[in-house]
Amino acid sequence: MTNVNKVNLSETIKEFIRYLFVGGSAFLVDTLVLYITKTYMFNDLGKLGILIATASGFLIGLIYNYFLSIIFVFKKATDNIKGKQIKTFIVFATIGIIGLVLTELGMYFGITIFDSKYYIVVKVFVAVVVLLWNYIARKVLIFK
């Protein structure tokens, strides 16, 4: 392995660790919004309320994640997207929307199989899959 490959691998690992931090904090924001909106706004809607609250949390988490990804995670790659912020956000949001579809499907099947009272536990497992999807897709399509 050449020095260039070692540096790139090392930088990618550091970047992924930063992404885990940002993704983890975005997950907390997302889950907090999910809990609050499910409990105080959509509680009477049953499973549908959980799915609506899931989407609410996901969208707030997406916006939070976007700004932190630009200033903290992919800061070296951000130079490549200067002047393309709107296009970049559209791609970022599209990846996020695919992540939302994966989240909603995972939540639907999870609360159907296990029980809706375990929605937070299901959310944790679904979030791991979506975190990997988001990182790989954003790394490949936006922050090359």
N, C-alpha and C. Protein backbone atom coordinates (compact mmCIF):
# COMPACT_ATOMS: atom_id res chain seq x y z
N MET A 1 0.85 -1.18 0.00
CA MET A 1 0.00 0.00 0.00
C MET A 1 0.90 1.24 0.00
N THR A 2 0.63 2.16 -0.91
CA THR A 2 1.45 3.37 -0.99
C THR A 2 1.05 4.35 0.10
N ASN A 3 1.91 5.35 0.28
CA ASN A 3 1.62 6.38 1.29
C ASN A 3 0.33 7.13 0.98
N VAL A 4 0.07 7.36 -0.30
CA VAL A 4 -1.15 8.07 -0.69
C VAL A 4 -2.37 7.26 -0.27
N ASN A 5 -2.36 5.95 -0.51
CA ASN A 5 -3.49 5.10 -0.11
C ASN A 5 -3.64 5.06 1.40
N LYS A 6 -2.52 5.02 2.15
CA LYS A 6 -2.58 5.03 3.61
C LYS A 6 -3.18 6.32 4.12
N VAL A 7 -2.77 7.45 3.53
CA VAL A 7 -3.30 8.75 3.94
C VAL A 7 -4.80 8.81 3.63
N ASN A 8 -5.21 8.37 2.42
CA ASN A 8 -6.62 8.40 2.06
C ASN A 8 -7.44 7.50 2.97
N LEU A 9 -6.93 6.31 3.28
CA LEU A 9 -7.63 5.40 4.17
C LEU A 9 -7.74 6.00 5.57
N SER A 10 -6.64 6.56 6.05
CA SER A 10 -6.64 7.18 7.38
C SER A 10 -7.62 8.35 7.43
N GLU A 11 -7.62 9.17 6.40
CA GLU A 11 -8.53 10.33 6.35
C GLU A 11 -9.98 9.86 6.25
N THR A 12 -10.23 8.81 5.48
CA THR A 12 -11.58 8.27 5.36
C THR A 12 -12.08 7.74 6.69
N ILE A 13 -11.21 7.07 7.43
CA ILE A 13 -11.59 6.56 8.75
C ILE A 13 -11.92 7.72 9.69
N LYS A 14 -11.08 8.75 9.70
CA LYS A 14 -11.35 9.93 10.54
C LYS A 14 -12.66 10.59 10.13
N GLU A 15 -12.88 10.69 8.83
CA GLU A 15 -14.10 11.29 8.32
C GLU A 15 -15.32 10.47 8.75
N PHE A 16 -15.22 9.15 8.66
CA PHE A 16 -16.34 8.29 9.06
C PHE A 16 -16.61 8.42 10.55
N ILE A 17 -15.57 8.56 11.35
CA ILE A 17 -15.76 8.77 12.80
C ILE A 17 -16.50 10.08 13.05
N ARG A 18 -16.11 11.13 12.31
CA ARG A 18 -16.84 12.41 12.43
C ARG A 18 -18.29 12.23 11.99
N TYR A 19 -18.49 11.44 10.92
CA TYR A 19 -19.85 11.19 10.44
C TYR A 19 -20.66 10.42 11.48
N LEU A 20 -20.04 9.48 12.17
CA LEU A 20 -20.73 8.75 13.23
C LEU A 20 -21.17 9.71 14.34
N PHE A 21 -20.29 10.66 14.69
CA PHE A 21 -20.64 11.66 15.71
C PHE A 21 -21.81 12.51 15.24
N VAL A 22 -21.71 13.03 14.03
CA VAL A 22 -22.78 13.87 13.49
C VAL A 22 -24.05 13.04 13.31
N GLY A 23 -23.90 11.85 12.74
CA GLY A 23 -25.06 10.97 12.55
C GLY A 23 -25.69 10.58 13.87
N GLY A 24 -24.85 10.34 14.88
CA GLY A 24 -25.36 9.99 16.20
C GLY A 24 -26.13 11.13 16.83
N SER A 25 -25.60 12.33 16.72
CA SER A 25 -26.31 13.48 17.30
C SER A 25 -27.57 13.79 16.49
N ALA A 26 -27.51 13.60 15.16
CA ALA A 26 -28.71 13.78 14.33
C ALA A 26 -29.75 12.72 14.69
N PHE A 27 -29.29 11.51 14.99
CA PHE A 27 -30.20 10.45 15.43
C PHE A 27 -30.90 10.85 16.73
N LEU A 28 -30.15 11.46 17.65
CA LEU A 28 -30.77 11.90 18.91
C LEU A 28 -31.82 12.98 18.65
N VAL A 29 -31.50 13.94 17.78
CA VAL A 29 -32.47 14.99 17.42
C VAL A 29 -33.69 14.34 16.77
N ASP A 30 -33.46 13.47 15.81
CA ASP A 30 -34.51 12.76 15.09
C ASP A 30 -35.41 11.98 16.06
N THR A 31 -34.79 11.22 16.95
CA THR A 31 -35.55 10.38 17.88
C THR A 31 -36.31 11.22 18.91
N LEU A 32 -35.71 12.31 19.35
CA LEU A 32 -36.40 13.21 20.28
C LEU A 32 -37.64 13.82 19.62
N VAL A 33 -37.50 14.27 18.38
CA VAL A 33 -38.66 14.82 17.65
C VAL A 33 -39.69 13.72 17.43
N LEU A 34 -39.26 12.51 17.08
CA LEU A 34 -40.17 11.37 16.93
C LEU A 34 -40.96 11.15 18.22
N TYR A 35 -40.26 11.09 19.33
CA TYR A 35 -40.91 10.83 20.62
C TYR A 35 -41.90 11.94 20.98
N ILE A 36 -41.45 13.19 20.85
CA ILE A 36 -42.30 14.33 21.22
C ILE A 36 -43.54 14.41 20.33
N THR A 37 -43.33 14.30 19.01
CA THR A 37 -44.49 14.42 18.11
C THR A 37 -45.43 13.23 18.23
N LYS A 38 -44.87 12.04 18.44
CA LYS A 38 -45.74 10.86 18.63
C LYS A 38 -46.53 10.98 19.92
N THR A 39 -45.86 11.40 20.99
CA THR A 39 -46.50 11.46 22.30
C THR A 39 -47.50 12.60 22.42
N TYR A 40 -47.17 13.77 21.89
CA TYR A 40 -47.99 14.95 22.13
C TYR A 40 -48.84 15.40 20.95
N MET A 41 -48.55 14.89 19.75
CA MET A 41 -49.31 15.35 18.60
C MET A 41 -50.08 14.24 17.89
N PHE A 42 -49.47 13.07 17.77
CA PHE A 42 -50.06 12.01 16.94
C PHE A 42 -50.37 10.74 17.73
N ASN A 43 -50.45 10.83 19.02
CA ASN A 43 -50.63 9.64 19.87
C ASN A 43 -51.94 8.91 19.58
N ASP A 44 -52.97 9.64 19.23
CA ASP A 44 -54.28 9.04 19.00
C ASP A 44 -54.40 8.34 17.65
N LEU A 45 -53.37 8.43 16.82
CA LEU A 45 -53.43 7.87 15.48
C LEU A 45 -52.83 6.47 15.37
N GLY A 46 -52.37 5.91 16.48
CA GLY A 46 -51.81 4.55 16.47
C GLY A 46 -50.57 4.43 15.62
N LYS A 47 -50.52 3.38 14.79
CA LYS A 47 -49.35 3.13 13.94
C LYS A 47 -49.13 4.27 12.93
N LEU A 48 -50.22 4.82 12.41
CA LEU A 48 -50.09 5.94 11.49
C LEU A 48 -49.42 7.12 12.17
N GLY A 49 -49.76 7.36 13.43
CA GLY A 49 -49.12 8.43 14.20
C GLY A 49 -47.62 8.22 14.35
N ILE A 50 -47.23 6.96 14.55
CA ILE A 50 -45.80 6.65 14.65
C ILE A 50 -45.10 6.95 13.33
N LEU A 51 -45.73 6.59 12.22
CA LEU A 51 -45.11 6.83 10.92
C LEU A 51 -45.03 8.32 10.59
N ILE A 52 -46.05 9.09 10.94
CA ILE A 52 -46.01 10.54 10.73
C ILE A 52 -44.95 11.16 11.62
N ALA A 53 -44.88 10.75 12.87
CA ALA A 53 -43.87 11.28 13.79
C ALA A 53 -42.47 10.88 13.34
N THR A 54 -42.33 9.68 12.78
CA THR A 54 -41.04 9.23 12.25
C THR A 54 -40.58 10.16 11.13
N ALA A 55 -41.49 10.49 10.22
CA ALA A 55 -41.14 11.39 9.11
C ALA A 55 -40.77 12.78 9.64
N SER A 56 -41.48 13.27 10.63
CA SER A 56 -41.18 14.59 11.22
C SER A 56 -39.77 14.60 11.80
N GLY A 57 -39.46 13.60 12.59
CA GLY A 57 -38.14 13.52 13.20
C GLY A 57 -37.05 13.38 12.15
N PHE A 58 -37.32 12.56 11.15
CA PHE A 58 -36.33 12.32 10.11
C PHE A 58 -36.00 13.62 9.36
N LEU A 59 -37.02 14.39 9.02
CA LEU A 59 -36.79 15.63 8.26
C LEU A 59 -36.02 16.66 9.08
N ILE A 60 -36.33 16.80 10.36
CA ILE A 60 -35.57 17.72 11.23
C ILE A 60 -34.12 17.22 11.35
N GLY A 61 -33.96 15.91 11.53
CA GLY A 61 -32.62 15.33 11.61
C GLY A 61 -31.84 15.50 10.32
N LEU A 62 -32.52 15.43 9.17
CA LEU A 62 -31.87 15.61 7.86
C LEU A 62 -31.28 17.01 7.74
N ILE A 63 -32.04 18.02 8.09
CA ILE A 63 -31.55 19.40 8.00
C ILE A 63 -30.38 19.61 8.95
N TYR A 64 -30.50 19.13 10.16
CA TYR A 64 -29.43 19.20 11.16
C TYR A 64 -28.17 18.52 10.62
N ASN A 65 -28.33 17.31 10.06
CA ASN A 65 -27.23 16.54 9.53
C ASN A 65 -26.56 17.25 8.36
N TYR A 66 -27.33 17.87 7.49
CA TYR A 66 -26.78 18.55 6.32
C TYR A 66 -25.79 19.63 6.75
N PHE A 67 -26.22 20.50 7.64
CA PHE A 67 -25.35 21.60 8.04
C PHE A 67 -24.11 21.11 8.77
N LEU A 68 -24.24 20.14 9.65
CA LEU A 68 -23.06 19.62 10.35
C LEU A 68 -22.15 18.83 9.41
N SER A 69 -22.71 18.15 8.43
CA SER A 69 -21.88 17.42 7.47
C SER A 69 -21.01 18.38 6.67
N ILE A 70 -21.57 19.51 6.30
CA ILE A 70 -20.81 20.47 5.51
C ILE A 70 -19.71 21.14 6.33
N ILE A 71 -20.01 21.50 7.57
CA ILE A 71 -19.01 22.24 8.34
C ILE A 71 -18.07 21.36 9.17
N PHE A 72 -18.44 20.09 9.38
CA PHE A 72 -17.64 19.27 10.27
C PHE A 72 -17.14 17.97 9.64
N VAL A 73 -17.98 17.26 8.92
CA VAL A 73 -17.61 15.93 8.43
C VAL A 73 -16.81 16.00 7.14
N PHE A 74 -17.40 16.59 6.12
CA PHE A 74 -16.80 16.58 4.80
C PHE A 74 -16.15 17.93 4.49
N LYS A 75 -15.52 18.55 5.48
CA LYS A 75 -15.01 19.91 5.31
C LYS A 75 -13.97 20.02 4.20
N LYS A 76 -13.13 19.01 4.01
CA LYS A 76 -12.14 19.08 2.93
C LYS A 76 -12.81 18.97 1.57
N ALA A 77 -13.82 18.16 1.46
CA ALA A 77 -14.53 17.97 0.19
C ALA A 77 -15.47 19.13 -0.11
N THR A 78 -15.77 19.95 0.89
CA THR A 78 -16.71 21.06 0.71
C THR A 78 -16.19 22.07 -0.30
N ASP A 79 -14.86 22.20 -0.43
CA ASP A 79 -14.29 23.12 -1.42
C ASP A 79 -14.75 22.76 -2.83
N ASN A 80 -14.94 21.47 -3.08
CA ASN A 80 -15.37 21.01 -4.40
C ASN A 80 -16.80 21.39 -4.73
N ILE A 81 -17.60 21.75 -3.73
CA ILE A 81 -19.01 22.04 -3.98
C ILE A 81 -19.34 23.53 -3.87
N LYS A 82 -18.33 24.36 -3.65
CA LYS A 82 -18.58 25.80 -3.57
C LYS A 82 -19.33 26.26 -4.82
N GLY A 83 -20.35 27.06 -4.61
CA GLY A 83 -21.16 27.55 -5.72
C GLY A 83 -22.21 26.57 -6.19
N LYS A 84 -22.22 25.37 -5.61
CA LYS A 84 -23.17 24.34 -6.01
C LYS A 84 -24.04 23.93 -4.83
N GLN A 85 -24.23 24.83 -3.85
CA GLN A 85 -24.92 24.46 -2.63
C GLN A 85 -26.35 23.99 -2.87
N ILE A 86 -27.07 24.63 -3.78
CA ILE A 86 -28.46 24.24 -4.02
C ILE A 86 -28.50 22.84 -4.64
N LYS A 87 -27.66 22.60 -5.65
CA LYS A 87 -27.60 21.27 -6.27
C LYS A 87 -27.17 20.23 -5.23
N THR A 88 -26.18 20.59 -4.43
CA THR A 88 -25.70 19.67 -3.40
C THR A 88 -26.80 19.34 -2.40
N PHE A 89 -27.55 20.36 -1.97
CA PHE A 89 -28.63 20.10 -1.02
C PHE A 89 -29.70 19.22 -1.65
N ILE A 90 -29.98 19.42 -2.93
CA ILE A 90 -30.99 18.59 -3.61
C ILE A 90 -30.55 17.13 -3.62
N VAL A 91 -29.27 16.88 -3.96
CA VAL A 91 -28.76 15.50 -3.95
C VAL A 91 -28.76 14.96 -2.52
N PHE A 92 -28.31 15.80 -1.56
CA PHE A 92 -28.29 15.41 -0.15
C PHE A 92 -29.69 15.05 0.31
N ALA A 93 -30.67 15.88 -0.05
CA ALA A 93 -32.06 15.65 0.35
C ALA A 93 -32.63 14.41 -0.35
N THR A 94 -32.27 14.20 -1.62
CA THR A 94 -32.74 13.01 -2.33
C THR A 94 -32.23 11.73 -1.66
N ILE A 95 -30.96 11.74 -1.28
CA ILE A 95 -30.41 10.61 -0.54
C ILE A 95 -31.17 10.47 0.78
N GLY A 96 -31.45 11.60 1.41
CA GLY A 96 -32.23 11.59 2.66
C GLY A 96 -33.63 11.06 2.47
N ILE A 97 -34.26 11.40 1.35
CA ILE A 97 -35.62 10.92 1.08
C ILE A 97 -35.61 9.40 0.89
N ILE A 98 -34.59 8.90 0.20
CA ILE A 98 -34.46 7.44 0.08
C ILE A 98 -34.27 6.84 1.47
N GLY A 99 -33.46 7.51 2.29
CA GLY A 99 -33.28 7.08 3.67
C GLY A 99 -34.60 7.12 4.45
N LEU A 100 -35.42 8.13 4.18
CA LEU A 100 -36.73 8.23 4.84
C LEU A 100 -37.62 7.07 4.42
N VAL A 101 -37.62 6.73 3.13
CA VAL A 101 -38.41 5.58 2.66
C VAL A 101 -37.93 4.30 3.35
N LEU A 102 -36.60 4.12 3.43
CA LEU A 102 -36.06 2.95 4.13
C LEU A 102 -36.48 2.96 5.60
N THR A 103 -36.44 4.15 6.21
CA THR A 103 -36.84 4.28 7.61
C THR A 103 -38.30 3.94 7.81
N GLU A 104 -39.16 4.51 6.97
CA GLU A 104 -40.60 4.26 7.09
C GLU A 104 -40.93 2.78 6.88
N LEU A 105 -40.30 2.16 5.88
CA LEU A 105 -40.53 0.73 5.65
C LEU A 105 -40.05 -0.10 6.84
N GLY A 106 -38.84 0.22 7.34
CA GLY A 106 -38.32 -0.49 8.50
C GLY A 106 -39.19 -0.31 9.72
N MET A 107 -39.66 0.92 9.94
CA MET A 107 -40.54 1.19 11.09
C MET A 107 -41.87 0.45 10.93
N TYR A 108 -42.44 0.50 9.74
CA TYR A 108 -43.73 -0.17 9.51
C TYR A 108 -43.61 -1.67 9.79
N PHE A 109 -42.62 -2.31 9.17
CA PHE A 109 -42.46 -3.75 9.37
C PHE A 109 -42.07 -4.07 10.81
N GLY A 110 -41.21 -3.23 11.39
CA GLY A 110 -40.78 -3.47 12.77
C GLY A 110 -41.92 -3.37 13.78
N ILE A 111 -42.74 -2.33 13.67
CA ILE A 111 -43.84 -2.19 14.64
C ILE A 111 -44.97 -3.17 14.34
N THR A 112 -45.04 -3.66 13.11
CA THR A 112 -46.04 -4.67 12.77
C THR A 112 -45.61 -6.04 13.31
N ILE A 113 -44.35 -6.36 13.17
CA ILE A 113 -43.85 -7.67 13.62
C ILE A 113 -43.73 -7.73 15.14
N PHE A 114 -43.14 -6.69 15.75
CA PHE A 114 -42.85 -6.75 17.18
C PHE A 114 -43.96 -6.15 18.04
N ASP A 115 -44.42 -4.99 17.73
CA ASP A 115 -45.49 -4.31 18.45
C ASP A 115 -45.15 -2.83 18.45
N SER A 116 -46.15 -2.01 18.35
CA SER A 116 -45.91 -0.57 18.26
C SER A 116 -45.35 0.02 19.54
N LYS A 117 -45.49 -0.65 20.67
CA LYS A 117 -44.93 -0.10 21.91
C LYS A 117 -43.40 -0.13 21.90
N TYR A 118 -42.81 -0.89 20.98
CA TYR A 118 -41.34 -0.96 20.86
C TYR A 118 -40.80 -0.07 19.75
N TYR A 119 -41.52 0.97 19.39
CA TYR A 119 -41.14 1.79 18.24
C TYR A 119 -39.76 2.43 18.37
N ILE A 120 -39.34 2.78 19.57
CA ILE A 120 -38.01 3.38 19.75
C ILE A 120 -36.92 2.33 19.52
N VAL A 121 -37.11 1.12 19.98
CA VAL A 121 -36.15 0.04 19.75
C VAL A 121 -36.04 -0.26 18.26
N VAL A 122 -37.18 -0.32 17.59
CA VAL A 122 -37.18 -0.54 16.15
C VAL A 122 -36.43 0.59 15.46
N LYS A 123 -36.65 1.82 15.91
CA LYS A 123 -36.00 3.00 15.33
C LYS A 123 -34.48 2.87 15.40
N VAL A 124 -33.96 2.37 16.50
CA VAL A 124 -32.50 2.22 16.66
C VAL A 124 -31.95 1.28 15.59
N PHE A 125 -32.58 0.14 15.40
CA PHE A 125 -32.10 -0.82 14.40
C PHE A 125 -32.21 -0.27 12.98
N VAL A 126 -33.31 0.37 12.69
CA VAL A 126 -33.51 0.96 11.36
C VAL A 126 -32.47 2.06 11.12
N ALA A 127 -32.18 2.85 12.14
CA ALA A 127 -31.23 3.96 12.00
C ALA A 127 -29.84 3.49 11.61
N VAL A 128 -29.41 2.35 12.09
CA VAL A 128 -28.08 1.83 11.74
C VAL A 128 -28.00 1.56 10.24
N VAL A 129 -29.01 0.93 9.69
CA VAL A 129 -29.03 0.64 8.25
C VAL A 129 -29.04 1.95 7.45
N VAL A 130 -29.87 2.89 7.86
CA VAL A 130 -29.99 4.15 7.14
C VAL A 130 -28.72 4.98 7.28
N LEU A 131 -28.05 4.93 8.42
CA LEU A 131 -26.78 5.65 8.60
C LEU A 131 -25.75 5.17 7.58
N LEU A 132 -25.64 3.87 7.40
CA LEU A 132 -24.68 3.34 6.42
C LEU A 132 -25.06 3.77 5.01
N TRP A 133 -26.33 3.67 4.66
CA TRP A 133 -26.80 4.12 3.34
C TRP A 133 -26.44 5.59 3.13
N ASN A 134 -26.77 6.43 4.10
CA ASN A 134 -26.53 7.87 3.96
C ASN A 134 -25.04 8.18 3.77
N TYR A 135 -24.19 7.58 4.59
CA TYR A 135 -22.75 7.87 4.50
C TYR A 135 -22.20 7.47 3.14
N ILE A 136 -22.47 6.24 2.73
CA ILE A 136 -21.91 5.75 1.47
C ILE A 136 -22.43 6.56 0.29
N ALA A 137 -23.73 6.80 0.26
CA ALA A 137 -24.32 7.55 -0.86
C ALA A 137 -23.80 8.99 -0.91
N ARG A 138 -23.71 9.64 0.24
CA ARG A 138 -23.23 11.04 0.26
C ARG A 138 -21.76 11.12 -0.07
N LYS A 139 -20.98 10.17 0.40
CA LYS A 139 -19.55 10.15 0.10
C LYS A 139 -19.33 9.96 -1.39
N VAL A 140 -20.06 9.05 -2.01
CA VAL A 140 -19.87 8.73 -3.42
C VAL A 140 -20.46 9.81 -4.32
N LEU A 141 -21.63 10.32 -4.00
CA LEU A 141 -22.34 11.21 -4.91
C LEU A 141 -22.09 12.71 -4.68
N ILE A 142 -21.70 13.09 -3.47
CA ILE A 142 -21.54 14.52 -3.18
C ILE A 142 -20.11 14.88 -2.82
N PHE A 143 -19.60 14.24 -1.78
CA PHE A 143 -18.31 14.64 -1.21
C PHE A 143 -17.21 13.70 -1.64
N LYS A 144 -16.95 13.65 -2.94
CA LYS A 144 -15.95 12.73 -3.52
C LYS A 144 -14.56 13.07 -3.05
